[in-house]
Each structure stands twice: as structure tokens, then as C-alpha cells.
């Protein structure tokens, strides 16, 4: 499960993810460089093991200048099958007038995906893209070669 706009990761871990005290959910938080908010990936500890994790910054203005928008990249290994699942969790720039910024952010994510050859592996790109299926930004994501979850 991917969560965005997380401003207090400890609260989410304690009161939301493990509300009944069973401690079955593992979470990975990646915060923005300015410390304001971030994204959180959550998964069942008994099913998955984290193999790799890092975050990278993406554009936050029209020139492509990297600022405080982030992506969390994680590889989870399924303990039952031994297969690996590659995940990128992100939160793209909001508001209609910021479509050029989202375009740059998507370009950077696409480049990252290409560099790691993720489309040939089990891969999920998730988050809040702040766009709709009829937008140019959405079409740009489709060009990466991914199938939207609602079409599966």
C-alpha cells in the first residue's frame, strides 16, 4: 500500500498500520528534502522482505530543477515464491496549471525506469499522479509501457 502526504510517519506506524498491536505491517518512509511531508510504502512482514530501498528527487519546476519532490524505490522479495517486486512510489505536483512540472517529473521517473530496465521485471509504479486519464500527463505515463490498475 502506498500513502502520500505523510507528515507524521511515527503516528501512522503506531496508530494506523498497527492499530491492534499485532505489528504485522512494515513501513518505509521517504521524506521530502525540506522535511515537510513524504511518502510511505507499507507491506506485510510475514509475506515480504525488503531487499533494496532508496529515494531520489524529481523535478519541481518547469526547467527540471530538482527540489523537494521525491520517489521511493523499493525491491521486495516474496518470501513464499522468492520472486522480486520492484516498486516506485511518488506524489507528483498538484494543480492543473502545473502540468509542465508533472511532465518533467514523469520524464525523470521514466528515465529511472529505463536505466534499471524495470519494465522487463515485476514492477509497480504507484502514488498520487494528480492527473486524469484524458490528460497529456496520463498519456505520458502510459508511454512508459505500464498498464493502469483499473484496466486489469
N, C-alpha and C. Protein backbone atom coordinates (compact mmCIF):
# COMPACT_ATOMS: atom_id res chain seq x y z
N UNK A 1 0.85 -1.15 0.00
CA UNK A 1 0.00 0.00 0.00
C UNK A 1 0.91 1.23 0.00
N UNK A 2 0.58 2.19 -0.82
CA UNK A 2 1.34 3.42 -0.87
C UNK A 2 0.53 4.58 -0.31
N UNK A 3 1.14 5.34 0.58
CA UNK A 3 0.49 6.51 1.17
C UNK A 3 1.29 7.75 0.80
N UNK A 4 0.60 8.85 0.58
CA UNK A 4 1.27 10.12 0.26
C UNK A 4 0.82 11.19 1.27
N UNK A 5 1.53 12.31 1.26
CA UNK A 5 1.26 13.43 2.16
C UNK A 5 1.33 13.00 3.62
N UNK A 6 2.32 12.19 3.94
CA UNK A 6 2.53 11.73 5.31
C UNK A 6 3.38 12.77 6.04
N UNK A 7 2.81 13.36 7.07
CA UNK A 7 3.53 14.39 7.81
C UNK A 7 4.03 13.90 9.17
N UNK A 8 3.57 12.74 9.60
CA UNK A 8 4.00 12.19 10.89
C UNK A 8 4.09 10.66 10.76
N UNK A 9 5.19 10.15 10.19
CA UNK A 9 5.28 8.71 9.94
C UNK A 9 5.16 7.85 11.19
N UNK A 10 5.66 8.32 12.32
CA UNK A 10 5.56 7.53 13.56
C UNK A 10 4.11 7.34 13.99
N UNK A 11 3.31 8.38 13.83
CA UNK A 11 1.89 8.28 14.17
C UNK A 11 1.21 7.23 13.30
N UNK A 12 1.48 7.27 12.00
CA UNK A 12 0.87 6.30 11.08
C UNK A 12 1.28 4.89 11.44
N UNK A 13 2.54 4.69 11.75
CA UNK A 13 3.02 3.35 12.11
C UNK A 13 2.32 2.82 13.36
N UNK A 14 2.21 3.66 14.35
CA UNK A 14 1.67 3.23 15.63
C UNK A 14 0.14 3.13 15.65
N UNK A 15 -0.54 4.15 15.11
CA UNK A 15 -1.99 4.24 15.26
C UNK A 15 -2.81 3.78 14.06
N UNK A 16 -2.21 3.75 12.91
CA UNK A 16 -2.97 3.36 11.72
C UNK A 16 -2.58 1.95 11.26
N UNK A 17 -1.30 1.75 11.00
CA UNK A 17 -0.85 0.49 10.42
C UNK A 17 -0.90 -0.67 11.40
N UNK A 18 -0.60 -0.41 12.64
CA UNK A 18 -0.58 -1.48 13.65
C UNK A 18 -1.54 -1.14 14.80
N UNK A 19 -2.75 -0.74 14.42
CA UNK A 19 -3.71 -0.25 15.39
C UNK A 19 -4.10 -1.27 16.45
N UNK A 20 -4.01 -2.55 16.14
CA UNK A 20 -4.39 -3.57 17.13
C UNK A 20 -3.17 -4.19 17.81
N UNK A 21 -2.00 -3.62 17.58
CA UNK A 21 -0.80 -4.06 18.27
C UNK A 21 -0.16 -5.33 17.73
N UNK A 22 -0.62 -5.81 16.57
CA UNK A 22 -0.07 -7.07 16.07
C UNK A 22 1.26 -6.91 15.33
N UNK A 23 1.62 -5.68 14.97
CA UNK A 23 2.92 -5.37 14.37
C UNK A 23 3.22 -6.23 13.13
N UNK A 24 2.21 -6.44 12.29
CA UNK A 24 2.38 -7.26 11.09
C UNK A 24 2.75 -6.46 9.85
N UNK A 25 2.65 -5.14 9.94
CA UNK A 25 2.90 -4.28 8.79
C UNK A 25 4.26 -3.59 8.93
N UNK A 26 5.06 -3.69 7.90
CA UNK A 26 6.33 -2.95 7.82
C UNK A 26 6.08 -1.71 6.98
N UNK A 27 6.72 -0.61 7.32
CA UNK A 27 6.55 0.60 6.53
C UNK A 27 7.91 1.25 6.29
N UNK A 28 8.02 1.88 5.12
CA UNK A 28 9.23 2.60 4.73
C UNK A 28 8.80 4.01 4.39
N UNK A 29 9.41 4.98 5.04
CA UNK A 29 9.07 6.38 4.83
C UNK A 29 10.20 7.08 4.09
N UNK A 30 9.84 7.90 3.12
CA UNK A 30 10.81 8.75 2.42
C UNK A 30 10.27 10.17 2.47
N UNK A 31 11.00 11.05 3.13
CA UNK A 31 10.56 12.43 3.31
C UNK A 31 11.17 13.37 2.31
N UNK A 32 10.45 14.44 2.04
CA UNK A 32 10.97 15.49 1.17
C UNK A 32 12.19 16.14 1.81
N UNK A 33 13.04 16.71 0.99
CA UNK A 33 14.27 17.32 1.50
C UNK A 33 14.01 18.47 2.45
N UNK A 34 12.86 19.12 2.33
CA UNK A 34 12.56 20.23 3.25
C UNK A 34 11.89 19.75 4.53
N UNK A 35 11.70 18.44 4.66
CA UNK A 35 11.16 17.86 5.88
C UNK A 35 9.67 18.03 6.09
N UNK A 36 8.94 18.55 5.10
CA UNK A 36 7.53 18.85 5.30
C UNK A 36 6.64 17.61 5.27
N UNK A 37 6.79 16.77 4.30
CA UNK A 37 5.95 15.59 4.13
C UNK A 37 6.71 14.55 3.35
N UNK A 38 6.06 13.41 3.16
CA UNK A 38 6.71 12.38 2.38
C UNK A 38 5.73 11.30 1.95
N UNK A 39 6.29 10.19 1.50
CA UNK A 39 5.51 9.04 1.06
C UNK A 39 5.88 7.85 1.93
N UNK A 40 4.95 6.89 2.04
CA UNK A 40 5.19 5.72 2.87
C UNK A 40 4.69 4.47 2.15
N UNK A 41 5.56 3.49 2.02
CA UNK A 41 5.20 2.20 1.45
C UNK A 41 5.00 1.23 2.60
N UNK A 42 3.88 0.50 2.56
CA UNK A 42 3.54 -0.44 3.64
C UNK A 42 3.33 -1.83 3.04
N UNK A 43 3.83 -2.84 3.77
CA UNK A 43 3.67 -4.22 3.29
C UNK A 43 3.66 -5.18 4.47
N UNK A 44 3.13 -6.38 4.25
CA UNK A 44 3.06 -7.40 5.29
C UNK A 44 4.43 -8.02 5.50
N UNK A 45 4.91 -7.97 6.75
CA UNK A 45 6.23 -8.50 7.09
C UNK A 45 6.32 -10.01 6.86
N UNK A 46 5.24 -10.72 7.15
CA UNK A 46 5.30 -12.18 7.02
C UNK A 46 5.37 -12.62 5.55
N UNK A 47 4.98 -11.76 4.62
CA UNK A 47 4.95 -12.12 3.21
C UNK A 47 6.16 -11.59 2.44
N UNK A 48 6.63 -10.38 2.79
CA UNK A 48 7.69 -9.73 2.00
C UNK A 48 8.89 -9.36 2.86
N UNK A 49 10.03 -9.36 2.20
CA UNK A 49 11.28 -8.91 2.80
C UNK A 49 11.84 -7.79 1.92
N UNK A 50 12.28 -6.70 2.54
CA UNK A 50 12.86 -5.62 1.76
C UNK A 50 14.29 -5.97 1.37
N UNK A 51 14.57 -5.92 0.06
CA UNK A 51 15.90 -6.23 -0.44
C UNK A 51 16.71 -4.98 -0.72
N UNK A 52 16.04 -3.93 -1.17
CA UNK A 52 16.73 -2.69 -1.52
C UNK A 52 15.75 -1.54 -1.38
N UNK A 53 16.28 -0.37 -0.98
CA UNK A 53 15.44 0.80 -0.86
C UNK A 53 16.30 2.05 -0.98
N UNK A 54 15.83 3.00 -1.74
CA UNK A 54 16.42 4.33 -1.74
C UNK A 54 15.41 5.32 -2.31
N UNK A 55 15.66 6.58 -2.05
CA UNK A 55 14.79 7.61 -2.60
C UNK A 55 15.59 8.49 -3.53
N UNK A 56 14.89 9.11 -4.46
CA UNK A 56 15.54 10.04 -5.37
C UNK A 56 14.62 11.23 -5.61
N UNK A 57 15.22 12.37 -5.84
CA UNK A 57 14.47 13.60 -6.05
C UNK A 57 14.07 13.73 -7.51
N UNK A 58 12.95 14.39 -7.73
CA UNK A 58 12.47 14.65 -9.09
C UNK A 58 12.20 16.14 -9.24
N UNK A 59 12.01 16.56 -10.49
CA UNK A 59 11.81 17.99 -10.82
C UNK A 59 10.65 18.57 -10.04
N UNK A 60 10.83 19.82 -9.68
CA UNK A 60 9.70 20.51 -9.07
C UNK A 60 9.52 21.91 -9.64
N UNK A 61 10.10 22.14 -10.81
CA UNK A 61 9.75 23.34 -11.57
C UNK A 61 9.87 23.02 -13.06
N UNK A 62 9.40 23.92 -13.90
CA UNK A 62 9.32 23.65 -15.34
C UNK A 62 10.67 23.47 -16.01
N UNK A 63 11.73 23.96 -15.40
CA UNK A 63 13.06 23.82 -16.01
C UNK A 63 13.68 22.46 -15.70
N UNK A 64 13.03 21.71 -14.81
CA UNK A 64 13.57 20.41 -14.43
C UNK A 64 14.48 20.48 -13.23
N UNK A 65 14.55 21.66 -12.61
CA UNK A 65 15.37 21.80 -11.41
C UNK A 65 14.83 20.88 -10.32
N UNK A 66 15.70 20.06 -9.79
CA UNK A 66 15.29 19.14 -8.74
C UNK A 66 15.17 19.91 -7.43
N UNK A 67 14.10 19.68 -6.73
CA UNK A 67 13.87 20.38 -5.49
C UNK A 67 13.46 19.37 -4.43
N UNK A 68 12.23 19.41 -3.96
CA UNK A 68 11.87 18.54 -2.85
C UNK A 68 10.85 17.46 -3.16
N UNK A 69 10.52 17.23 -4.41
CA UNK A 69 9.62 16.13 -4.73
C UNK A 69 10.44 14.86 -4.81
N UNK A 70 9.90 13.78 -4.27
CA UNK A 70 10.70 12.56 -4.15
C UNK A 70 9.96 11.34 -4.69
N UNK A 71 10.75 10.32 -4.96
CA UNK A 71 10.24 8.99 -5.28
C UNK A 71 10.93 8.01 -4.34
N UNK A 72 10.21 7.00 -3.93
CA UNK A 72 10.75 5.93 -3.12
C UNK A 72 10.83 4.69 -3.99
N UNK A 73 12.04 4.17 -4.16
CA UNK A 73 12.23 2.92 -4.92
C UNK A 73 12.52 1.81 -3.93
N UNK A 74 11.81 0.70 -4.09
CA UNK A 74 11.98 -0.45 -3.19
C UNK A 74 11.90 -1.74 -3.98
N UNK A 75 12.72 -2.70 -3.60
CA UNK A 75 12.58 -4.07 -4.11
C UNK A 75 12.16 -4.93 -2.94
N UNK A 76 11.01 -5.57 -3.09
CA UNK A 76 10.51 -6.50 -2.08
C UNK A 76 10.64 -7.92 -2.61
N UNK A 77 11.07 -8.84 -1.77
CA UNK A 77 11.16 -10.25 -2.14
C UNK A 77 10.00 -10.99 -1.47
N UNK A 78 9.24 -11.71 -2.29
CA UNK A 78 8.13 -12.52 -1.79
C UNK A 78 8.71 -13.74 -1.10
N UNK A 79 8.47 -13.89 0.18
CA UNK A 79 9.03 -15.00 0.95
C UNK A 79 8.46 -16.36 0.54
N UNK A 80 7.27 -16.36 -0.07
CA UNK A 80 6.64 -17.61 -0.49
C UNK A 80 7.16 -18.10 -1.83
N UNK A 81 7.35 -17.17 -2.77
CA UNK A 81 7.72 -17.56 -4.13
C UNK A 81 9.19 -17.28 -4.45
N UNK A 82 9.82 -16.40 -3.69
CA UNK A 82 11.19 -16.00 -3.97
C UNK A 82 11.31 -14.93 -5.05
N UNK A 83 10.18 -14.54 -5.64
CA UNK A 83 10.20 -13.53 -6.70
C UNK A 83 10.36 -12.14 -6.11
N UNK A 84 10.95 -11.26 -6.92
CA UNK A 84 11.14 -9.88 -6.50
C UNK A 84 10.13 -8.96 -7.17
N UNK A 85 9.70 -7.96 -6.43
CA UNK A 85 8.75 -6.97 -6.91
C UNK A 85 9.40 -5.60 -6.76
N UNK A 86 9.55 -4.89 -7.87
CA UNK A 86 10.14 -3.55 -7.90
C UNK A 86 9.00 -2.53 -7.80
N UNK A 87 9.16 -1.56 -6.91
CA UNK A 87 8.09 -0.58 -6.66
C UNK A 87 8.67 0.83 -6.65
N UNK A 88 7.99 1.74 -7.33
CA UNK A 88 8.28 3.17 -7.21
C UNK A 88 7.00 3.83 -6.70
N UNK A 89 7.14 4.57 -5.60
CA UNK A 89 6.03 5.31 -5.02
C UNK A 89 6.36 6.80 -5.13
N UNK A 90 5.41 7.58 -5.63
CA UNK A 90 5.66 9.00 -5.81
C UNK A 90 4.41 9.83 -5.58
N UNK A 91 4.59 11.12 -5.51
CA UNK A 91 3.49 12.08 -5.42
C UNK A 91 3.86 13.26 -6.31
N UNK A 92 3.21 13.34 -7.47
CA UNK A 92 3.53 14.39 -8.43
C UNK A 92 2.88 15.72 -8.06
N UNK A 93 3.41 16.78 -8.62
CA UNK A 93 2.96 18.15 -8.36
C UNK A 93 1.47 18.29 -8.63
N UNK A 94 0.78 18.96 -7.73
CA UNK A 94 -0.67 19.13 -7.84
C UNK A 94 -1.04 20.37 -8.66
N UNK A 95 -2.31 20.50 -8.94
CA UNK A 95 -2.98 21.62 -9.61
C UNK A 95 -2.79 21.59 -11.12
N UNK A 96 -3.88 21.94 -11.79
CA UNK A 96 -3.95 21.86 -13.25
C UNK A 96 -2.83 22.64 -13.93
N UNK A 97 -2.54 23.84 -13.46
CA UNK A 97 -1.55 24.70 -14.12
C UNK A 97 -0.11 24.17 -13.99
N UNK A 98 0.11 23.10 -13.24
CA UNK A 98 1.45 22.54 -13.06
C UNK A 98 1.72 21.33 -13.96
N UNK A 99 0.99 21.22 -15.05
CA UNK A 99 1.17 20.05 -15.92
C UNK A 99 2.58 19.97 -16.51
N UNK A 100 3.21 21.10 -16.76
CA UNK A 100 4.59 21.09 -17.30
C UNK A 100 5.57 20.56 -16.25
N UNK A 101 5.33 20.87 -15.00
CA UNK A 101 6.19 20.34 -13.93
C UNK A 101 5.99 18.82 -13.83
N UNK A 102 4.73 18.38 -13.88
CA UNK A 102 4.47 16.93 -13.85
C UNK A 102 5.12 16.24 -15.04
N UNK A 103 5.11 16.91 -16.18
CA UNK A 103 5.77 16.36 -17.38
C UNK A 103 7.25 16.09 -17.09
N UNK A 104 7.93 17.05 -16.49
CA UNK A 104 9.35 16.87 -16.14
C UNK A 104 9.52 15.76 -15.11
N UNK A 105 8.63 15.71 -14.12
CA UNK A 105 8.71 14.66 -13.10
C UNK A 105 8.55 13.28 -13.73
N UNK A 106 7.59 13.15 -14.62
CA UNK A 106 7.35 11.87 -15.29
C UNK A 106 8.54 11.50 -16.17
N UNK A 107 9.13 12.47 -16.86
CA UNK A 107 10.33 12.21 -17.66
C UNK A 107 11.45 11.64 -16.80
N UNK A 108 11.65 12.21 -15.63
CA UNK A 108 12.71 11.73 -14.74
C UNK A 108 12.41 10.32 -14.22
N UNK A 109 11.16 10.07 -13.88
CA UNK A 109 10.78 8.72 -13.43
C UNK A 109 10.97 7.73 -14.57
N UNK A 110 10.55 8.10 -15.77
CA UNK A 110 10.71 7.24 -16.94
C UNK A 110 12.18 6.92 -17.20
N UNK A 111 13.04 7.91 -17.05
CA UNK A 111 14.47 7.70 -17.23
C UNK A 111 15.00 6.72 -16.18
N UNK A 112 14.56 6.86 -14.96
CA UNK A 112 14.96 5.96 -13.89
C UNK A 112 14.53 4.53 -14.19
N UNK A 113 13.29 4.39 -14.67
CA UNK A 113 12.76 3.07 -15.02
C UNK A 113 13.59 2.45 -16.14
N UNK A 114 13.92 3.24 -17.15
CA UNK A 114 14.74 2.74 -18.27
C UNK A 114 16.13 2.34 -17.82
N UNK A 115 16.76 3.16 -16.99
CA UNK A 115 18.12 2.87 -16.52
C UNK A 115 18.19 1.56 -15.75
N UNK A 116 17.12 1.22 -15.04
CA UNK A 116 17.09 0.00 -14.24
C UNK A 116 16.39 -1.14 -14.97
N UNK A 117 15.94 -0.90 -16.21
CA UNK A 117 15.25 -1.90 -17.02
C UNK A 117 14.06 -2.52 -16.26
N UNK A 118 13.29 -1.68 -15.60
CA UNK A 118 12.21 -2.17 -14.75
C UNK A 118 11.01 -2.72 -15.52
N UNK A 119 10.78 -2.25 -16.74
CA UNK A 119 9.61 -2.74 -17.47
C UNK A 119 9.75 -4.21 -17.85
N UNK A 120 10.97 -4.76 -17.78
CA UNK A 120 11.15 -6.19 -18.07
C UNK A 120 11.04 -7.03 -16.80
N UNK A 121 10.75 -6.39 -15.67
CA UNK A 121 10.66 -7.09 -14.38
C UNK A 121 9.27 -6.89 -13.79
N UNK A 122 8.98 -7.59 -12.70
CA UNK A 122 7.75 -7.34 -11.97
C UNK A 122 7.87 -5.96 -11.34
N UNK A 123 6.99 -5.06 -11.75
CA UNK A 123 7.17 -3.65 -11.42
C UNK A 123 5.83 -2.96 -11.21
N UNK A 124 5.78 -2.10 -10.19
CA UNK A 124 4.59 -1.30 -9.92
C UNK A 124 5.03 0.15 -9.72
N UNK A 125 4.36 1.05 -10.42
CA UNK A 125 4.52 2.49 -10.21
C UNK A 125 3.21 2.95 -9.57
N UNK A 126 3.29 3.49 -8.35
CA UNK A 126 2.07 3.90 -7.69
C UNK A 126 2.27 5.23 -6.99
N UNK A 127 1.15 5.86 -6.66
CA UNK A 127 1.18 7.13 -5.96
C UNK A 127 0.05 8.03 -6.39
N UNK A 128 0.21 9.29 -6.09
CA UNK A 128 -0.77 10.30 -6.49
C UNK A 128 -0.17 11.07 -7.65
N UNK A 129 -0.72 10.86 -8.84
CA UNK A 129 -0.19 11.47 -10.06
C UNK A 129 -0.86 12.82 -10.35
N UNK A 130 -1.89 13.16 -9.59
CA UNK A 130 -2.59 14.44 -9.76
C UNK A 130 -2.97 14.70 -11.21
N UNK A 131 -3.53 13.69 -11.83
CA UNK A 131 -3.93 13.79 -13.23
C UNK A 131 -5.13 12.89 -13.48
N UNK A 132 -5.69 12.99 -14.67
CA UNK A 132 -6.85 12.17 -15.06
C UNK A 132 -6.52 11.41 -16.35
N UNK A 133 -7.25 10.33 -16.64
CA UNK A 133 -6.93 9.52 -17.83
C UNK A 133 -6.96 10.24 -19.17
N UNK A 134 -7.59 11.40 -19.24
CA UNK A 134 -7.65 12.13 -20.51
C UNK A 134 -6.52 13.15 -20.67
N UNK A 135 -5.66 13.29 -19.66
CA UNK A 135 -4.62 14.32 -19.69
C UNK A 135 -3.38 13.87 -20.45
N UNK A 136 -2.60 14.84 -20.88
CA UNK A 136 -1.31 14.55 -21.53
C UNK A 136 -0.35 13.87 -20.57
N UNK A 137 -0.39 14.26 -19.29
CA UNK A 137 0.48 13.63 -18.30
C UNK A 137 0.17 12.14 -18.15
N UNK A 138 -1.11 11.81 -18.16
CA UNK A 138 -1.52 10.40 -18.06
C UNK A 138 -1.02 9.62 -19.27
N UNK A 139 -1.19 10.21 -20.45
CA UNK A 139 -0.72 9.55 -21.67
C UNK A 139 0.80 9.36 -21.64
N UNK A 140 1.48 10.32 -21.05
CA UNK A 140 2.93 10.23 -20.90
C UNK A 140 3.31 9.03 -20.02
N UNK A 141 2.57 8.79 -18.95
CA UNK A 141 2.83 7.63 -18.09
C UNK A 141 2.55 6.34 -18.85
N UNK A 142 1.49 6.33 -19.64
CA UNK A 142 1.17 5.13 -20.43
C UNK A 142 2.29 4.77 -21.40
N UNK A 143 2.99 5.78 -21.94
CA UNK A 143 4.08 5.52 -22.89
C UNK A 143 5.24 4.77 -22.26
N UNK A 144 5.34 4.78 -20.94
CA UNK A 144 6.38 4.02 -20.25
C UNK A 144 6.17 2.53 -20.51
N UNK A 145 4.93 2.14 -20.80
CA UNK A 145 4.62 0.74 -21.07
C UNK A 145 3.93 0.04 -19.92
N UNK A 146 3.31 0.82 -19.04
CA UNK A 146 2.63 0.24 -17.88
C UNK A 146 1.12 0.21 -18.13
N UNK A 147 0.47 -0.75 -17.51
CA UNK A 147 -0.98 -0.88 -17.61
C UNK A 147 -1.62 -0.32 -16.34
N UNK A 148 -2.52 0.65 -16.48
CA UNK A 148 -3.19 1.19 -15.29
C UNK A 148 -3.95 0.09 -14.54
N UNK A 149 -3.90 0.12 -13.22
CA UNK A 149 -4.53 -0.91 -12.40
C UNK A 149 -6.02 -1.08 -12.69
N UNK A 150 -6.71 0.02 -12.95
CA UNK A 150 -8.14 -0.09 -13.18
C UNK A 150 -8.49 -0.76 -14.51
N UNK A 151 -7.48 -0.97 -15.36
CA UNK A 151 -7.72 -1.67 -16.63
C UNK A 151 -7.43 -3.17 -16.53
N UNK A 152 -6.90 -3.61 -15.40
CA UNK A 152 -6.57 -5.03 -15.23
C UNK A 152 -7.80 -5.85 -14.91
